[in-house]
C-alpha atoms as a PDB file:
ATOM      1  CA  MET A   1     131.211 158.496 -69.762  1.00  0.00           C
ATOM      2  CA  ARG A   2     128.940 157.212 -67.055  1.00  0.00           C
ATOM      3  CA  TYR A   3     130.082 157.015 -63.456  1.00  0.00           C
ATOM      4  CA  GLU A   4     128.394 155.664 -60.368  1.00  0.00           C
ATOM      5  CA  ILE A   5     129.018 156.687 -56.762  1.00  0.00           C
ATOM      6  CA  ARG A   6     128.863 153.316 -55.036  1.00  0.00           C
ATOM      7  CA  SER A   7     129.888 154.436 -51.545  1.00  0.00           C
ATOM      8  CA  ILE A   8     131.172 157.403 -49.582  1.00  0.00           C
ATOM      9  CA  GLY A   9     134.237 156.914 -47.421  1.00  0.00           C
ATOM     10  CA  ILE A  10     133.446 157.439 -43.755  1.00  0.00           C
ATOM     11  CA  TRP A  11     136.852 158.772 -42.734  1.00  0.00           C
ATOM     12  CA  ALA A  12     136.967 161.106 -45.766  1.00  0.00           C
ATOM     13  CA  TYR A  13     133.544 162.490 -44.837  1.00  0.00           C
ATOM     14  CA  LEU A  14     134.524 162.939 -41.180  1.00  0.00           C
ATOM     15  CA  LYS A  15     137.617 164.981 -42.059  1.00  0.00           C
ATOM     16  CA  ILE A  16     135.926 167.252 -44.565  1.00  0.00           C
ATOM     17  CA  GLY A  17     132.542 167.399 -42.836  1.00  0.00           C
ATOM     18  CA  PHE A  18     133.961 168.331 -39.430  1.00  0.00           C
ATOM     19  CA  PHE A  19     136.086 171.156 -40.823  1.00  0.00           C
ATOM     20  CA  LEU A  20     133.325 172.572 -43.027  1.00  0.00           C
ATOM     21  CA  ASN A  21     130.718 172.346 -40.261  1.00  0.00           C
ATOM     22  CA  LEU A  22     133.142 174.032 -37.868  1.00  0.00           C
ATOM     23  CA  LEU A  23     133.616 176.904 -40.326  1.00  0.00           C
ATOM     24  CA  ILE A  24     129.905 177.213 -41.152  1.00  0.00           C
ATOM     25  CA  GLY A  25     128.993 177.094 -37.441  1.00  0.00           C
ATOM     26  CA  PHE A  26     131.466 179.887 -36.666  1.00  0.00           C
ATOM     27  CA  ILE A  27     130.071 182.102 -39.418  1.00  0.00           C
ATOM     28  CA  GLY A  28     126.510 181.342 -38.288  1.00  0.00           C
ATOM     29  CA  GLY A  29     127.498 182.176 -34.703  1.00  0.00           C
ATOM     30  CA  LEU A  30     128.857 185.543 -35.825  1.00  0.00           C
ATOM     31  CA  PHE A  31     125.569 186.407 -37.525  1.00  0.00           C
ATOM     32  CA  PHE A  32     123.586 185.210 -34.519  1.00  0.00           C
ATOM     33  CA  ALA A  33     125.729 187.213 -32.094  1.00  0.00           C
ATOM     34  CA  VAL A  34     125.365 190.398 -34.145  1.00  0.00           C
ATOM     35  CA  PHE A  35     121.602 189.905 -34.416  1.00  0.00           C
ATOM     36  CA  MET A  36     121.249 189.165 -30.702  1.00  0.00           C
ATOM     37  CA  SER A  37     123.369 192.153 -29.696  1.00  0.00           C
ATOM     38  CA  PHE A  38     121.135 194.474 -31.741  1.00  0.00           C
ATOM     39  CA  GLN A  39     118.029 192.849 -30.261  1.00  0.00           C
ATOM     40  CA  MET A  40     119.327 193.108 -26.704  1.00  0.00           C
ATOM     41  CA  ALA A  41     120.373 196.739 -27.163  1.00  0.00           C
ATOM     42  CA  LEU A  42     116.955 197.591 -28.593  1.00  0.00           C
ATOM     43  CA  MET A  43     115.133 195.870 -25.726  1.00  0.00           C
ATOM     44  CA  ASP A  44     117.341 197.633 -23.187  1.00  0.00           C
ATOM     45  CA  ASN A  45     116.631 201.045 -24.786  1.00  0.00           C
ATOM     46  CA  LEU A  46     112.898 200.336 -24.779  1.00  0.00           C
ATOM     47  CA  GLY A  47     113.040 199.401 -21.103  1.00  0.00           C
ATOM     48  CA  LEU A  48     112.048 195.788 -21.698  1.00  0.00           C
ATOM     49  CA  ASP A  49     113.621 192.882 -19.853  1.00  0.00           C
ATOM     50  CA  PRO A  50     115.424 190.659 -22.396  1.00  0.00           C
ATOM     51  CA  GLY A  51     115.006 187.653 -20.122  1.00  0.00           C
ATOM     52  CA  PRO A  52     116.731 186.166 -17.097  1.00  0.00           C
ATOM     53  CA  GLY A  53     120.494 186.260 -17.437  1.00  0.00           C
ATOM     54  CA  PHE A  54     120.436 188.597 -20.424  1.00  0.00           C
ATOM     55  CA  GLY A  55     120.071 191.930 -18.673  1.00  0.00           C
ATOM     56  CA  GLY A  56     122.522 194.750 -19.124  1.00  0.00           C
ATOM     57  CA  GLU A  57     124.371 193.931 -15.889  1.00  0.00           C
ATOM     58  CA  GLU A  58     124.377 190.117 -16.012  1.00  0.00           C
ATOM     59  CA  LEU A  59     125.871 189.450 -19.475  1.00  0.00           C
ATOM     60  CA  PRO A  60     127.635 192.202 -21.379  1.00  0.00           C
ATOM     61  CA  ILE A  61     127.077 192.223 -25.128  1.00  0.00           C
ATOM     62  CA  GLY A  62     130.837 191.996 -25.810  1.00  0.00           C
ATOM     63  CA  ILE A  63     131.044 188.609 -24.096  1.00  0.00           C
ATOM     64  CA  LEU A  64     128.082 187.442 -26.177  1.00  0.00           C
ATOM     65  CA  MET A  65     129.934 188.497 -29.360  1.00  0.00           C
ATOM     66  CA  VAL A  66     132.908 186.310 -28.363  1.00  0.00           C
ATOM     67  CA  ILE A  67     131.127 183.276 -26.894  1.00  0.00           C
ATOM     68  CA  MET A  68     128.366 182.724 -29.474  1.00  0.00           C
ATOM     69  CA  PRO A  69     130.563 182.092 -32.555  1.00  0.00           C
ATOM     70  CA  ILE A  70     132.701 179.636 -30.576  1.00  0.00           C
ATOM     71  CA  MET A  71     129.635 177.799 -29.238  1.00  0.00           C
ATOM     72  CA  PHE A  72     128.027 177.635 -32.677  1.00  0.00           C
ATOM     73  CA  ALA A  73     131.278 176.407 -34.246  1.00  0.00           C
ATOM     74  CA  ILE A  74     131.720 173.587 -31.739  1.00  0.00           C
ATOM     75  CA  GLY A  75     128.034 172.634 -31.738  1.00  0.00           C
ATOM     76  CA  GLY A  76     127.781 172.743 -35.520  1.00  0.00           C
ATOM     77  CA  ALA A  77     130.949 170.734 -35.993  1.00  0.00           C
ATOM     78  CA  ILE A  78     129.791 167.996 -33.634  1.00  0.00           C
ATOM     79  CA  PHE A  79     126.061 167.737 -34.336  1.00  0.00           C
ATOM     80  CA  TYR A  80     126.006 168.406 -38.076  1.00  0.00           C
ATOM     81  CA  THR A  81     128.924 166.054 -38.612  1.00  0.00           C
ATOM     82  CA  LEU A  82     127.033 163.329 -36.714  1.00  0.00           C
ATOM     83  CA  PHE A  83     123.901 163.950 -38.814  1.00  0.00           C
ATOM     84  CA  GLY A  84     126.008 163.780 -41.958  1.00  0.00           C
ATOM     85  CA  LEU A  85     127.640 160.559 -40.739  1.00  0.00           C
ATOM     86  CA  ILE A  86     124.181 158.990 -40.315  1.00  0.00           C
ATOM     87  CA  PHE A  87     123.365 160.056 -43.884  1.00  0.00           C
ATOM     88  CA  VAL A  88     126.630 158.457 -45.149  1.00  0.00           C
ATOM     89  CA  PHE A  89     125.764 155.130 -43.456  1.00  0.00           C
ATOM     90  CA  ILE A  90     122.240 155.170 -44.924  1.00  0.00           C
ATOM     91  CA  TYR A  91     123.528 156.088 -48.396  1.00  0.00           C
ATOM     92  CA  ASN A  92     126.140 153.305 -48.365  1.00  0.00           C
ATOM     93  CA  LEU A  93     123.468 150.731 -47.354  1.00  0.00           C
ATOM     94  CA  VAL A  94     120.986 151.885 -50.011  1.00  0.00           C
ATOM     95  CA  ALA A  95     123.725 152.113 -52.669  1.00  0.00           C
ATOM     96  CA  LYS A  96     124.670 148.447 -52.022  1.00  0.00           C
ATOM     97  CA  LEU A  97     121.073 147.365 -52.538  1.00  0.00           C
ATOM     98  CA  THR A  98     119.980 149.568 -55.426  1.00  0.00           C
ATOM     99  CA  GLY A  99     123.143 151.097 -56.832  1.00  0.00           C
ATOM    100  CA  GLY A 100     124.535 154.551 -56.293  1.00  0.00           C
ATOM    101  CA  PHE A 101     124.002 157.856 -58.020  1.00  0.00           C
ATOM    102  CA  GLU A 102     124.784 157.665 -61.706  1.00  0.00           C
ATOM    103  CA  MET A 103     126.384 160.599 -63.417  1.00  0.00           C
ATOM    104  CA  ASP A 104     126.948 161.124 -67.112  1.00  0.00           C
ATOM    105  CA  LEU A 105     130.165 163.073 -67.533  1.00  0.00           C
ATOM    106  CA  ARG A 106     131.727 164.358 -70.722  1.00  0.00           C
ATOM    107  CA  ALA A 107     134.940 166.177 -71.445  1.00  0.00           C
ATOM    108  CA  VAL A 108     134.505 169.860 -72.116  1.00  0.00           C
ATOM    109  CA  ASP A 109     136.507 171.429 -74.900  1.00  0.00           C
ATOM    110  CA  GLN A 110     138.785 173.893 -73.261  1.00  0.00           C
ATOM    111  CA  PRO A 111     140.594 176.643 -75.100  1.00  0.00           C
ATOM    112  CA  PRO A 112     144.322 176.067 -75.306  1.00  0.00           C
ATOM    113  CA  PRO A 113     146.197 177.578 -72.395  1.00  0.00           C
ATOM    114  CA  VAL A 114     147.619 181.014 -72.982  1.00  0.00           C
ATOM    115  CA  GLN A 115     151.347 180.782 -73.319  1.00  0.00           C
ATOM    116  CA  SER A 116     153.370 183.684 -72.143  1.00  0.00           C
ATOM    117  CA  VAL A 117     155.932 185.071 -74.524  1.00  0.00           C
ATOM    118  CA  SER A 118     159.321 184.340 -73.114  1.00  0.00           C
ATOM    119  CA  PRO A 119     162.319 186.343 -74.219  1.00  0.00           C
ATOM    120  CA  GLN A 120     164.663 184.698 -76.662  1.00  0.00           C
ATOM    121  CA  PRO A 121     167.848 183.401 -75.092  1.00  0.00           C
ATOM    122  CA  ALA A 122     170.753 185.758 -75.427  1.00  0.00           C
ATOM    123  CA  ALA A 123     173.298 185.031 -78.131  1.00  0.00           C
ATOM    124  CA  PRO A 124     176.407 183.387 -76.778  1.00  0.00           C
ATOM    125  CA  GLN A 125     179.117 185.857 -76.056  1.00  0.00           C
ATOM    126  CA  THR A 126     182.231 185.609 -78.194  1.00  0.00           C
ATOM    127  CA  ALA A 127     185.728 186.523 -77.239  1.00  0.00           C
ATOM    128  CA  PRO A 128     186.641 190.185 -77.813  1.00  0.00           C
ATOM    129  CA  PRO A 129     188.584 190.953 -81.007  1.00  0.00           C
ATOM    130  CA  ALA A 130     192.338 190.618 -80.812  1.00  0.00           C
ATOM    131  CA  SER A 131     193.141 194.097 -82.138  1.00  0.00           C
ATOM    132  CA  PRO A 132     191.274 197.413 -82.295  1.00  0.00           C
ATOM    133  CA  ARG A 133     191.204 197.247 -86.110  1.00  0.00           C
ATOM    134  CA  GLU A 134     189.025 194.098 -85.977  1.00  0.00           C
ATOM    135  CA  ALA A 135     186.511 195.790 -83.708  1.00  0.00           C
ATOM    136  CA  ALA A 136     183.869 197.841 -85.455  1.00  0.00           C
ATOM    137  CA  PRO A 137     183.266 201.308 -84.052  1.00  0.00           C
ATOM    138  CA  PRO A 138     180.141 201.489 -81.952  1.00  0.00           C
ATOM    139  CA  TRP A 139     178.683 204.239 -84.118  1.00  0.00           C
ATOM    140  CA  GLN A 140     179.409 205.484 -87.616  1.00  0.00           C
ATOM    141  CA  PRO A 141     177.928 208.619 -89.118  1.00  0.00           C
ATOM    142  CA  PRO A 142     175.524 208.100 -91.995  1.00  0.00           C
ATOM    143  CA  PRO A 143     176.860 208.607 -95.520  1.00  0.00           C
ATOM    144  CA  PRO A 144     176.434 212.102 -96.984  1.00  0.00           C
ATOM    145  CA  PRO A 145     173.585 212.652 -99.440  1.00  0.00           C
ATOM    146  CA  PRO A 146     174.486 212.243-103.122  1.00  0.00           C
ATOM    147  CA  GLY A 147     175.988 215.303-104.837  1.00  0.00           C
ATOM    148  CA  THR A 148     177.557 216.825-101.730  1.00  0.00           C
ATOM    149  CA  PRO A 149     181.319 217.430-101.618  1.00  0.00           C
ATOM    150  CA  PRO A 150     183.252 215.129 -99.294  1.00  0.00           C
ATOM    151  CA  PRO A 151     184.064 216.562 -95.891  1.00  0.00           C
ATOM    152  CA  PRO A 152     187.567 217.941 -95.392  1.00  0.00           C
ATOM    153  CA  ILE A 153     190.068 215.480 -93.977  1.00  0.00           C
ATOM    154  CA  THR A 154     191.008 216.324 -90.452  1.00  0.00           C
ATOM    155  CA  ASP A 155     193.876 214.966 -88.430  1.00  0.00           C
ATOM    156  CA  GLU A 156     191.506 212.496 -86.854  1.00  0.00           C
ATOM    157  CA  HIS A 157     190.591 210.922 -90.209  1.00  0.00           C
ATOM    158  CA  ARG A 158     194.018 211.306 -91.928  1.00  0.00           C
ATOM    159  CA  PRO A 159     195.824 208.041 -92.622  1.00  0.00           C
ATOM    160  CA  PRO A 160     198.907 207.532 -90.473  1.00  0.00           C
ATOM    161  CA  GLU A 161     202.266 208.670 -91.873  1.00  0.00           C
ATOM    162  CA  PRO A 162     204.681 205.816 -92.621  1.00  0.00           C
ATOM    163  CA  GLN A 163     207.413 205.428 -90.071  1.00  0.00           C
ATOM    164  CA  GLY A 164     211.077 205.315 -91.043  1.00  0.00           C
ATOM    165  CA  PRO A 165     212.793 206.253 -94.275  1.00  0.00           C
ATOM    166  CA  LEU A 166     210.909 206.010 -97.543  1.00  0.00           C
ATOM    167  CA  PRO A 167     212.307 203.643-100.230  1.00  0.00           C
ATOM    168  CA  PRO A 168     213.715 205.371-103.323  1.00  0.00           C
ATOM    169  CA  ALA A 169     211.165 206.116-106.023  1.00  0.00           C
ATOM    170  CA  GLY A 170     212.738 203.844-108.612  1.00  0.00           C
ATOM    171  CA  ASP A 171     213.049 200.741-106.402  1.00  0.00           C
ATOM    172  CA  GLU A 172     209.405 199.706-106.396  1.00  0.00           C
ATOM    173  CA  PRO A 173     208.833 196.006-105.994  1.00  0.00           C
ATOM    174  CA  ARG A 174     207.582 194.236-109.066  1.00  0.00           C
END
C-alpha cells in the first residue's frame, strides 16, 4: 500500500513538539550543568579565573546544577518548537505544490499471539447425597494381591445384626 503525507497538523505538532523539546532541553541542561561543574571545579583547583560571575564565591556550583536544566528546558521548548513550526509551514506549502512524502507500507506477518492456558472451569457442584450409604468413602484400600487369604472380619467390617425377632426357619417367603 502506498501512502502520502500531504500535510502536518500545526496544533498536533505544537503539542508533541513542545513536550518533546522540553524533555530534551532538560536532559541537555543536565549534561551541560554536570560538564560545567567539572570544568569550573578544575579551573578553581588550577587557580584560573573561570570568568566574571563564575568564581567560587559569586555562583556556587549547586545553583548551576539546578538552574541550567530548567533554563535549557524552557529555551529548548520555546526555540526548537518555533523552528519546528517554521519547518511544518514550509513542508505544508511544498507538499501542496509537489506532493508529500510517499511511503510504501506492507503488512508484516506476525506470529499468532501467545495464549495463556486458563484453568478449566470447575464442575458444577451437586447436592450432597441424601444418605451416608449413597456417599462413597473418600478412600478405599487397594484390593489384596491374588492368592492371598482374605483379611479377618473385624467388628468394623461385620454386617449389622438384624434387629427384632427372627422369622421361623420354615416360613420363608416364596
